[in-house]
Amino acid sequence: MQDLTTGSLTGHLLKTTSFMLVSMVFQTLYILVDLFWVGRLGTDAIGAVGLAGNLSFIVIALTQVLSVGATTLVSHASGRKDQDHAIFLFNQSQVLSMVAATIFLAIGMLTRQQYAASQSASEGMRIATEEYLLWFIPAMALQFAMVGMAAALRGTGNFRPGMIVQTTTVIINIVLAPFLIFGWGPFPAWGVAGAAIATLVAITIGVAWLAVYFMTATGYLRFHFGHWSPQLKVWWDMLRIGLPAGAEFALMGVYLAVIYAITKPFGAAAQGGFTIGLRIVQSAFLPVVALGFAVAPVAGQNFAARKGDRVRAAFKAAAGLSVGAMVVSGTAIYLGAGPLMRIFTSDPDAIAVGVVYLRIVVLTFVASGVTFVTSSMFQALGNTIPSLVTSGLRLVLSVMPAVLLSRVAGFSLTWIWYLSVVAVLLQMGANLLLLQREFRLKLAQV
């Protein structure tokens, strides 16, 4: 365990962010490399990976429920220096993760064909999506275990093991993917399915490796099978904190599903261009996402230790760091939109869609960075409902008008991108107001 209740807050944030950023950079590198190789198979394959990526938001939403609840409660126990309770909470979070993973796997495998048929813009994309999901869904089910273990470690301020394991599995995935996609060496050419198989192999290795870390008797957190009897009250405490945070990502999944439905009449090139642009944006968000993961345990431990001034200071430091990072990445993407798109596709129509999308969406970067930080602060304070409310506001303001406008003669996809800019700016303003209210309520007596 690392005590985050003393010492430089900026130092803690930078150190913990760096650990998260390393693993996330490799994760995004995998996504971009995977997209690069899949792009050699054609626009249908790119679209298939994009559609499967929408399911990733569902997985992120579900694992976010578990990870936010586990990180928050474990960080509070660590801040109070209560190791026994931290171990108990960790083990309960693992059982809850297993239950959620099993349910996801069953539902995903039963509905994958219907999902592919309803979202694909062409028959080739439908076939590719089904082939990809056959292996990708089990890989995502295993992700629950890895995320759950890493989340508990973050609550103790220990980011290193999760970083090492996740980074190594990403490297395995990157190396293995082209062999399975194109049939290099002794492997058969599985096409787009090969990318998903590589992911499944890598995550399986990662889960087994990370589990070993918790089998030592000297670890701050460790497996204790006597704590595996389901405790519904503890589960509810985790879900109460995690559900609103997970629902935020679920709302993003809804938004993307609507966008793909709206872009469907524009053809596979439009969906492919949006898919590539979205992945580039996700890569640009890495620093603030990593920062968000760091803010929650840092502020959470100090909140549990009743150090209100350090909680406020942590927010100010994190907000400043996020603004700086987003200004830099937004400028780089605006200036390099064309070359970035051409790395992944040579289709001129897909490139045109992606360039326009990127040059509009960068207007949201600073606001999105601040929103990430405020959402993490809500997690640290144990109340994630405000950020869910503002995410719902953003969805209403961006999706409903988009659906209506898509039926208007002369409709252009740029209308959707500009709607998202307005919605994100309003969400940031609402988050800041609600966070100040939360500070007054939670920190007045701390």
Protein backbone atom coordinates (compact mmCIF):
# COMPACT_ATOMS: atom_id res chain seq x y z
CA MET A 1 0.00 0.00 0.00
CA GLN A 2 1.08 3.59 -0.69
CA ASP A 3 -0.10 6.26 1.75
CA LEU A 4 -1.51 9.11 -0.36
CA THR A 5 -2.63 11.22 2.61
CA THR A 6 0.78 12.87 3.03
CA GLY A 7 3.31 14.41 0.68
CA SER A 8 2.92 16.36 -2.55
CA LEU A 9 -0.48 15.93 -4.19
CA THR A 10 0.84 16.88 -7.60
CA GLY A 11 3.63 14.35 -7.12
CA HIS A 12 1.16 11.62 -6.18
CA LEU A 13 -1.04 12.48 -9.16
CA LEU A 14 1.84 12.49 -11.62
CA LYS A 15 3.29 9.24 -10.28
CA THR A 16 0.01 7.34 -10.28
CA THR A 17 -1.01 8.86 -13.61
CA SER A 18 2.29 7.76 -15.16
CA PHE A 19 1.68 4.14 -14.17
CA MET A 20 -1.83 4.22 -15.63
CA LEU A 21 -0.67 6.09 -18.70
CA VAL A 22 1.98 3.51 -19.56
CA SER A 23 -0.55 0.67 -19.58
CA MET A 24 -3.14 2.78 -21.41
CA VAL A 25 -0.65 3.93 -24.04
CA PHE A 26 0.15 0.30 -24.78
CA GLN A 27 -3.55 -0.54 -24.77
CA THR A 28 -4.26 2.20 -27.29
CA LEU A 29 -1.19 1.25 -29.29
CA TYR A 30 -2.70 -2.22 -29.51
CA ILE A 31 -6.02 -0.75 -30.70
CA LEU A 32 -4.32 1.35 -33.36
CA VAL A 33 -2.02 -1.46 -34.51
CA ASP A 34 -4.97 -3.84 -34.58
CA LEU A 35 -6.92 -1.30 -36.62
CA PHE A 36 -3.91 -0.90 -38.94
CA TRP A 37 -3.75 -4.64 -39.65
CA VAL A 38 -7.50 -5.06 -39.91
CA GLY A 39 -7.57 -2.08 -42.27
CA ARG A 40 -5.58 -4.18 -44.75
CA LEU A 41 -8.65 -6.44 -44.98
CA GLY A 42 -10.94 -3.66 -46.23
CA THR A 43 -13.66 -1.26 -45.09
CA ASP A 44 -16.04 -4.03 -43.99
CA ALA A 45 -13.45 -5.36 -41.56
CA ILE A 46 -12.83 -1.87 -40.15
CA GLY A 47 -16.55 -1.38 -39.64
CA ALA A 48 -16.82 -4.79 -37.98
CA VAL A 49 -14.16 -3.90 -35.42
CA GLY A 50 -15.93 -0.60 -34.85
CA LEU A 51 -19.25 -2.33 -34.19
CA ALA A 52 -17.56 -4.77 -31.82
CA GLY A 53 -15.96 -1.76 -30.16
CA ASN A 54 -19.43 -0.53 -29.25
CA LEU A 55 -19.78 -3.65 -27.11
CA SER A 56 -16.54 -2.63 -25.45
CA PHE A 57 -18.39 0.36 -24.05
CA ILE A 58 -20.90 -2.01 -22.47
CA VAL A 59 -18.02 -3.98 -20.94
CA ILE A 60 -16.36 -0.76 -19.81
CA ALA A 61 -19.65 0.32 -18.29
CA LEU A 62 -20.07 -2.94 -16.38
CA THR A 63 -16.45 -3.16 -15.29
CA GLN A 64 -16.58 0.52 -14.36
CA VAL A 65 -19.41 -0.30 -11.96
CA LEU A 66 -17.24 -2.91 -10.29
CA SER A 67 -13.94 -1.05 -10.43
CA VAL A 68 -15.27 2.28 -9.17
CA GLY A 69 -17.04 0.61 -6.26
CA ALA A 70 -13.98 -1.48 -5.38
CA THR A 71 -11.47 1.36 -5.77
CA THR A 72 -13.56 3.77 -3.70
CA LEU A 73 -14.29 1.42 -0.80
CA VAL A 74 -10.77 -0.04 -0.73
CA SER A 75 -9.27 3.47 -0.84
CA HIS A 76 -11.46 4.53 2.07
CA ALA A 77 -10.42 1.47 4.09
CA SER A 78 -6.78 2.13 3.20
CA GLY A 79 -7.12 5.78 4.20
CA ARG A 80 -8.40 4.62 7.60
CA LYS A 81 -5.47 2.13 7.77
CA ASP A 82 -7.91 -0.80 8.07
CA GLN A 83 -6.13 -3.61 6.16
CA ASP A 84 -8.43 -6.43 7.26
CA HIS A 85 -11.49 -4.66 5.87
CA ALA A 86 -9.61 -3.83 2.67
CA ILE A 87 -8.85 -7.55 2.16
CA PHE A 88 -12.49 -8.43 2.81
CA LEU A 89 -13.70 -5.83 0.29
CA PHE A 90 -11.22 -7.03 -2.31
CA ASN A 91 -12.45 -10.62 -2.11
CA GLN A 92 -16.08 -9.60 -2.27
CA SER A 93 -15.34 -7.54 -5.37
CA GLN A 94 -13.82 -10.60 -7.05
CA VAL A 95 -16.91 -12.74 -6.47
CA LEU A 96 -19.13 -9.96 -7.79
CA SER A 97 -16.90 -9.67 -10.88
CA MET A 98 -17.22 -13.40 -11.59
CA VAL A 99 -21.01 -13.25 -11.41
CA ALA A 100 -21.15 -10.24 -13.74
CA ALA A 101 -18.72 -11.84 -16.23
CA THR A 102 -20.77 -15.03 -16.45
CA ILE A 103 -23.98 -13.12 -17.14
CA PHE A 104 -22.30 -10.96 -19.79
CA LEU A 105 -20.80 -13.99 -21.54
CA ALA A 106 -24.16 -15.76 -21.75
CA ILE A 107 -26.09 -12.76 -23.04
CA GLY A 108 -23.35 -11.70 -25.46
CA MET A 109 -23.04 -15.08 -27.14
CA LEU A 110 -26.81 -15.44 -27.46
CA THR A 111 -27.33 -12.05 -29.10
CA ARG A 112 -24.19 -11.54 -31.20
CA GLN A 113 -25.81 -12.52 -34.51
CA GLN A 114 -28.81 -10.25 -34.03
CA TYR A 115 -26.51 -7.38 -33.08
CA ALA A 116 -24.32 -7.85 -36.17
CA ALA A 117 -27.31 -8.01 -38.49
CA SER A 118 -29.00 -4.91 -37.08
CA GLN A 119 -25.95 -2.62 -37.10
CA SER A 120 -24.00 -3.58 -40.24
CA ALA A 121 -24.17 -1.43 -43.37
CA SER A 122 -23.32 -4.36 -45.68
CA GLU A 123 -23.45 -8.14 -45.77
CA GLY A 124 -19.67 -8.35 -45.67
CA MET A 125 -19.60 -6.25 -42.52
CA ARG A 126 -22.25 -8.46 -40.90
CA ILE A 127 -20.23 -11.61 -41.54
CA ALA A 128 -17.01 -10.04 -40.32
CA THR A 129 -18.71 -8.74 -37.18
CA GLU A 130 -20.10 -12.17 -36.31
CA GLU A 131 -16.70 -13.79 -36.81
CA TYR A 132 -15.00 -11.18 -34.65
CA LEU A 133 -17.56 -11.32 -31.82
CA LEU A 134 -17.34 -15.12 -31.55
CA TRP A 135 -13.91 -14.69 -29.93
CA PHE A 136 -14.09 -11.11 -28.73
CA ILE A 137 -17.02 -11.66 -26.34
CA PRO A 138 -15.20 -14.36 -24.29
CA ALA A 139 -12.15 -12.07 -24.19
CA MET A 140 -14.27 -9.25 -22.79
CA ALA A 141 -15.78 -11.60 -20.20
CA LEU A 142 -12.29 -12.36 -18.90
CA GLN A 143 -11.63 -8.63 -18.73
CA PHE A 144 -13.93 -8.42 -15.68
CA ALA A 145 -11.43 -10.33 -13.55
CA MET A 146 -8.42 -8.31 -14.68
CA VAL A 147 -10.18 -4.97 -14.16
CA GLY A 148 -11.46 -6.03 -10.73
CA MET A 149 -8.03 -6.98 -9.45
CA ALA A 150 -6.35 -3.85 -10.83
CA ALA A 151 -9.09 -1.63 -9.36
CA ALA A 152 -8.56 -2.95 -5.84
CA LEU A 153 -4.82 -2.34 -6.15
CA ARG A 154 -5.47 1.24 -7.24
CA GLY A 155 -7.48 1.77 -4.08
CA THR A 156 -4.34 1.02 -2.07
CA GLY A 157 -2.30 3.40 -4.22
CA ASN A 158 -0.44 0.51 -5.88
CA PHE A 159 -0.62 0.94 -9.65
CA ARG A 160 2.54 -0.92 -10.60
CA PRO A 161 1.39 -4.59 -10.84
CA GLY A 162 -1.63 -3.76 -12.98
CA MET A 163 0.54 -1.63 -15.25
CA ILE A 164 3.13 -4.35 -15.75
CA VAL A 165 0.61 -7.11 -16.45
CA GLN A 166 -1.64 -5.08 -18.73
CA THR A 167 1.31 -3.70 -20.68
CA THR A 168 2.78 -7.15 -21.22
CA THR A 169 -0.53 -8.63 -22.38
CA VAL A 170 -0.94 -5.78 -24.85
CA ILE A 171 2.50 -6.48 -26.27
CA ILE A 172 1.54 -10.16 -26.65
CA ASN A 173 -1.61 -9.08 -28.44
CA ILE A 174 0.21 -6.71 -30.78
CA VAL A 175 2.78 -9.35 -31.75
CA LEU A 176 0.30 -12.20 -32.14
CA ALA A 177 -2.45 -10.38 -34.07
CA PRO A 178 -0.87 -10.19 -37.57
CA PHE A 179 0.19 -13.84 -37.40
CA LEU A 180 -3.41 -14.90 -36.76
CA ILE A 181 -4.99 -12.37 -39.13
CA PHE A 182 -2.84 -13.12 -42.19
CA GLY A 183 -1.67 -16.66 -41.42
CA TRP A 184 2.01 -15.90 -41.00
CA GLY A 185 4.25 -18.84 -40.15
CA PRO A 186 2.46 -22.00 -38.98
CA PHE A 187 -0.84 -20.22 -38.26
CA PRO A 188 -3.93 -20.33 -40.48
CA ALA A 189 -5.26 -17.04 -41.87
CA TRP A 190 -8.29 -16.32 -39.70
CA GLY A 191 -8.85 -12.80 -41.03
CA VAL A 192 -10.71 -10.41 -38.76
CA ALA A 193 -11.39 -13.25 -36.30
CA GLY A 194 -7.64 -13.60 -35.80
CA ALA A 195 -7.49 -10.17 -34.18
CA ALA A 196 -10.10 -11.23 -31.62
CA ILE A 197 -8.37 -14.56 -30.96
CA ALA A 198 -5.13 -12.70 -30.23
CA THR A 199 -7.02 -10.56 -27.71
CA LEU A 200 -8.49 -13.63 -26.02
CA VAL A 201 -5.09 -15.31 -25.68
CA ALA A 202 -3.46 -12.18 -24.27
CA ILE A 203 -6.18 -11.48 -21.69
CA THR A 204 -6.16 -15.12 -20.55
CA ILE A 205 -2.44 -14.84 -19.84
CA GLY A 206 -2.95 -11.51 -18.05
CA VAL A 207 -5.68 -12.77 -15.74
CA ALA A 208 -3.62 -15.79 -14.69
CA TRP A 209 -0.52 -13.65 -14.13
CA LEU A 210 -2.27 -10.95 -12.07
CA ALA A 211 -4.03 -13.57 -9.94
CA VAL A 212 -0.64 -14.91 -8.83
CA TYR A 213 0.11 -11.51 -7.26
CA PHE A 214 -2.72 -12.01 -4.76
CA MET A 215 -1.66 -15.49 -3.67
CA THR A 216 1.22 -14.36 -1.43
CA ALA A 217 0.61 -14.21 2.30
CA THR A 218 2.60 -10.98 2.65
CA GLY A 219 0.61 -8.89 0.16
CA TYR A 220 -1.49 -5.99 1.44
CA LEU A 221 -4.39 -7.49 -0.55
CA ARG A 222 -4.68 -11.25 -1.06
CA PHE A 223 -7.19 -13.95 -1.86
CA HIS A 224 -9.02 -15.19 1.22
CA PHE A 225 -11.54 -17.84 0.18
CA GLY A 226 -13.27 -17.55 3.54
CA HIS A 227 -14.44 -14.12 2.35
CA TRP A 228 -16.01 -15.49 -0.84
CA SER A 229 -19.45 -16.10 0.61
CA PRO A 230 -21.62 -13.45 -1.10
CA GLN A 231 -22.39 -10.50 1.18
CA LEU A 232 -25.26 -8.69 -0.49
CA LYS A 233 -24.93 -5.59 1.66
CA VAL A 234 -21.29 -5.17 0.61
CA TRP A 235 -22.24 -5.78 -3.00
CA TRP A 236 -24.89 -3.09 -2.73
CA ASP A 237 -22.38 -0.65 -1.23
CA MET A 238 -20.12 -1.22 -4.24
CA LEU A 239 -22.96 -1.06 -6.74
CA ARG A 240 -24.42 2.07 -5.14
CA ILE A 241 -21.19 3.89 -5.87
CA GLY A 242 -20.33 2.11 -9.11
CA LEU A 243 -23.67 1.93 -10.90
CA PRO A 244 -23.96 5.64 -11.72
CA ALA A 245 -20.36 5.67 -12.97
CA GLY A 246 -20.97 2.59 -15.09
CA ALA A 247 -24.19 4.04 -16.41
CA GLU A 248 -22.18 6.96 -17.77
CA PHE A 249 -20.27 4.61 -20.05
CA ALA A 250 -23.48 2.78 -20.92
CA LEU A 251 -24.93 6.09 -22.06
CA MET A 252 -21.87 6.54 -24.25
CA GLY A 253 -22.56 3.11 -25.71
CA VAL A 254 -26.14 4.18 -26.46
CA TYR A 255 -24.83 7.34 -28.11
CA LEU A 256 -22.45 5.37 -30.33
CA ALA A 257 -25.15 2.87 -31.27
CA VAL A 258 -27.37 5.76 -32.37
CA ILE A 259 -24.52 7.35 -34.33
CA TYR A 260 -23.78 4.10 -36.15
CA ALA A 261 -27.48 3.74 -36.96
CA ILE A 262 -27.57 7.30 -38.33
CA THR A 263 -24.40 6.79 -40.39
CA LYS A 264 -25.63 3.47 -41.79
CA PRO A 265 -27.38 5.05 -44.83
CA PHE A 266 -24.12 6.85 -45.67
CA GLY A 267 -22.43 3.49 -46.25
CA ALA A 268 -19.52 1.46 -44.89
CA ALA A 269 -17.00 4.20 -45.74
CA ALA A 270 -18.75 6.67 -43.45
CA GLN A 271 -18.90 4.14 -40.62
CA GLY A 272 -15.27 3.22 -41.19
CA GLY A 273 -14.16 6.86 -41.20
CA PHE A 274 -16.03 7.55 -37.98
CA THR A 275 -14.56 4.39 -36.42
CA ILE A 276 -11.00 5.46 -37.18
CA GLY A 277 -11.64 9.03 -36.02
CA LEU A 278 -13.17 7.78 -32.79
CA ARG A 279 -10.15 5.57 -32.05
CA ILE A 280 -7.81 8.51 -32.64
CA VAL A 281 -9.83 10.63 -30.22
CA GLN A 282 -9.79 7.86 -27.63
CA SER A 283 -6.01 7.77 -27.96
CA ALA A 284 -5.81 11.52 -27.41
CA PHE A 285 -7.87 11.19 -24.23
CA LEU A 286 -5.37 8.79 -22.68
CA PRO A 287 -3.63 11.34 -20.44
CA VAL A 288 -6.84 12.61 -18.84
CA VAL A 289 -8.35 9.15 -18.52
CA ALA A 290 -5.18 8.02 -16.74
CA LEU A 291 -5.36 11.16 -14.61
CA GLY A 292 -8.96 10.35 -13.75
CA PHE A 293 -7.96 6.90 -12.54
CA ALA A 294 -5.29 8.54 -10.38
CA VAL A 295 -7.53 11.24 -8.89
CA ALA A 296 -10.05 8.83 -7.36
CA PRO A 297 -7.69 6.95 -4.98
CA VAL A 298 -5.65 10.07 -4.15
CA ALA A 299 -8.71 12.13 -3.23
CA GLY A 300 -10.49 9.08 -1.78
CA GLN A 301 -7.76 8.27 0.73
CA ASN A 302 -7.56 11.92 1.84
CA PHE A 303 -11.35 12.14 2.14
CA ALA A 304 -11.41 9.04 4.38
CA ALA A 305 -8.53 10.50 6.39
CA ARG A 306 -10.67 13.67 6.87
CA LYS A 307 -8.23 15.99 5.08
CA GLY A 308 -10.64 18.26 3.22
CA ASP A 309 -8.06 20.83 2.15
CA ARG A 310 -6.04 18.14 0.39
CA VAL A 311 -9.17 16.90 -1.38
CA ARG A 312 -9.85 20.37 -2.82
CA ALA A 313 -6.20 20.83 -3.70
CA ALA A 314 -6.15 17.48 -5.50
CA PHE A 315 -9.02 18.63 -7.73
CA LYS A 316 -7.34 21.92 -8.60
CA ALA A 317 -4.06 20.22 -9.46
CA ALA A 318 -5.76 17.55 -11.57
CA ALA A 319 -7.94 20.06 -13.43
CA GLY A 320 -4.91 22.13 -14.34
CA LEU A 321 -3.03 19.09 -15.60
CA SER A 322 -6.01 17.95 -17.70
CA VAL A 323 -6.45 21.33 -19.39
CA GLY A 324 -2.79 21.47 -20.37
CA ALA A 325 -2.81 17.94 -21.77
CA MET A 326 -5.98 18.49 -23.79
CA VAL A 327 -4.79 21.74 -25.35
CA VAL A 328 -1.66 20.02 -26.61
CA SER A 329 -3.39 16.89 -27.97
CA GLY A 330 -6.29 18.85 -29.48
CA THR A 331 -3.95 21.14 -31.40
CA ALA A 332 -1.91 18.20 -32.68
CA ILE A 333 -4.98 16.33 -33.93
CA TYR A 334 -6.50 19.39 -35.61
CA LEU A 335 -3.30 20.06 -37.54
CA GLY A 336 -2.60 16.41 -38.37
CA ALA A 337 -6.12 15.05 -39.02
CA GLY A 338 -5.48 14.12 -42.65
CA PRO A 339 -2.17 12.30 -42.18
CA LEU A 340 -3.54 10.49 -39.13
CA MET A 341 -6.51 9.15 -41.09
CA ARG A 342 -4.31 8.05 -44.00
CA ILE A 343 -2.27 5.85 -41.66
CA PHE A 344 -5.27 3.53 -41.27
CA THR A 345 -7.11 3.68 -44.60
CA SER A 346 -6.65 4.72 -48.22
CA ASP A 347 -10.40 5.05 -48.86
CA PRO A 348 -10.90 8.75 -49.77
CA ASP A 349 -14.51 8.79 -48.56
CA ALA A 350 -13.59 7.32 -45.17
CA ILE A 351 -10.70 9.79 -44.86
CA ALA A 352 -12.98 12.74 -45.64
CA VAL A 353 -15.50 11.72 -42.97
CA GLY A 354 -12.78 11.16 -40.39
CA VAL A 355 -10.98 14.46 -41.02
CA VAL A 356 -14.14 16.51 -40.62
CA TYR A 357 -15.08 14.62 -37.47
CA LEU A 358 -11.65 15.13 -35.89
CA ARG A 359 -11.46 18.85 -36.65
CA ILE A 360 -14.83 19.47 -35.02
CA VAL A 361 -14.55 17.15 -32.03
CA VAL A 362 -11.26 18.70 -30.85
CA LEU A 363 -13.37 21.66 -29.72
CA THR A 364 -14.59 19.45 -26.87
CA PHE A 365 -11.18 18.34 -25.64
CA VAL A 366 -10.63 20.80 -22.78
CA ALA A 367 -14.21 20.45 -21.55
CA SER A 368 -13.98 16.66 -21.73
CA GLY A 369 -10.75 16.70 -19.73
CA VAL A 370 -12.30 18.75 -16.93
CA THR A 371 -15.37 16.50 -17.00
CA PHE A 372 -13.20 13.40 -16.54
CA VAL A 373 -11.55 14.95 -13.48
CA THR A 374 -14.81 16.06 -11.89
CA SER A 375 -16.34 12.61 -12.41
CA SER A 376 -13.35 11.06 -10.62
CA MET A 377 -13.81 13.49 -7.74
CA PHE A 378 -17.43 12.36 -7.36
CA GLN A 379 -16.14 8.79 -7.15
CA ALA A 380 -13.63 9.74 -4.46
CA LEU A 381 -16.38 11.36 -2.41
CA GLY A 382 -18.58 8.27 -2.71
CA ASN A 383 -21.40 9.91 -4.68
CA THR A 384 -21.40 9.28 -8.43
CA ILE A 385 -25.02 10.25 -9.09
CA PRO A 386 -24.23 13.88 -10.09
CA SER A 387 -21.95 12.78 -12.94
CA LEU A 388 -24.61 10.32 -14.11
CA VAL A 389 -27.18 13.11 -14.20
CA THR A 390 -24.93 15.33 -16.30
CA SER A 391 -24.09 12.45 -18.64
CA GLY A 392 -27.81 11.89 -19.11
CA LEU A 393 -28.19 15.58 -19.90
CA ARG A 394 -25.45 15.32 -22.50
CA LEU A 395 -27.11 12.28 -24.09
CA VAL A 396 -30.49 14.01 -24.32
CA LEU A 397 -28.99 17.15 -25.82
CA SER A 398 -26.95 15.26 -28.42
CA VAL A 399 -28.94 12.16 -29.36
CA MET A 400 -32.54 13.32 -29.56
CA PRO A 401 -31.82 16.29 -31.85
CA ALA A 402 -29.50 14.08 -33.93
CA VAL A 403 -32.25 11.54 -34.54
CA LEU A 404 -34.70 14.27 -35.54
CA LEU A 405 -32.23 16.08 -37.77
CA SER A 406 -31.25 12.84 -39.53
CA ARG A 407 -34.74 12.86 -41.10
CA VAL A 408 -34.37 16.36 -42.52
CA ALA A 409 -33.58 16.82 -46.21
CA GLY A 410 -29.95 17.77 -46.74
CA PHE A 411 -28.85 16.23 -43.44
CA SER A 412 -25.08 16.13 -42.95
CA LEU A 413 -23.05 14.15 -40.43
CA THR A 414 -21.35 17.39 -39.37
CA TRP A 415 -24.58 18.42 -37.69
CA ILE A 416 -24.11 15.57 -35.19
CA TRP A 417 -20.53 16.56 -34.43
CA TYR A 418 -21.51 20.17 -33.66
CA LEU A 419 -24.35 19.00 -31.44
CA SER A 420 -21.86 16.97 -29.41
CA VAL A 421 -19.67 20.07 -28.91
CA VAL A 422 -22.55 22.00 -27.35
CA ALA A 423 -23.58 19.03 -25.20
CA VAL A 424 -20.07 18.47 -23.81
CA LEU A 425 -19.65 22.14 -22.89
CA LEU A 426 -22.94 22.13 -21.01
CA GLN A 427 -21.99 18.90 -19.24
CA MET A 428 -18.73 20.41 -18.02
CA GLY A 429 -20.52 23.44 -16.60
CA ALA A 430 -23.07 21.30 -14.80
CA ASN A 431 -20.35 19.04 -13.39
CA LEU A 432 -18.43 21.97 -11.95
CA LEU A 433 -21.52 23.40 -10.27
CA LEU A 434 -22.50 20.05 -8.77
CA LEU A 435 -18.96 19.36 -7.57
CA GLN A 436 -18.88 22.66 -5.67
CA ARG A 437 -22.16 21.64 -4.04
CA GLU A 438 -20.67 18.25 -3.13
CA PHE A 439 -17.64 19.94 -1.58
CA ARG A 440 -19.90 22.08 0.61
CA LEU A 441 -21.89 19.06 1.78
CA LYS A 442 -19.10 16.50 2.22
CA LEU A 443 -16.11 18.61 3.24
CA ALA A 444 -17.76 21.06 5.62
CA GLN A 445 -17.12 18.80 8.59
CA VAL A 446 -13.88 17.25 7.31
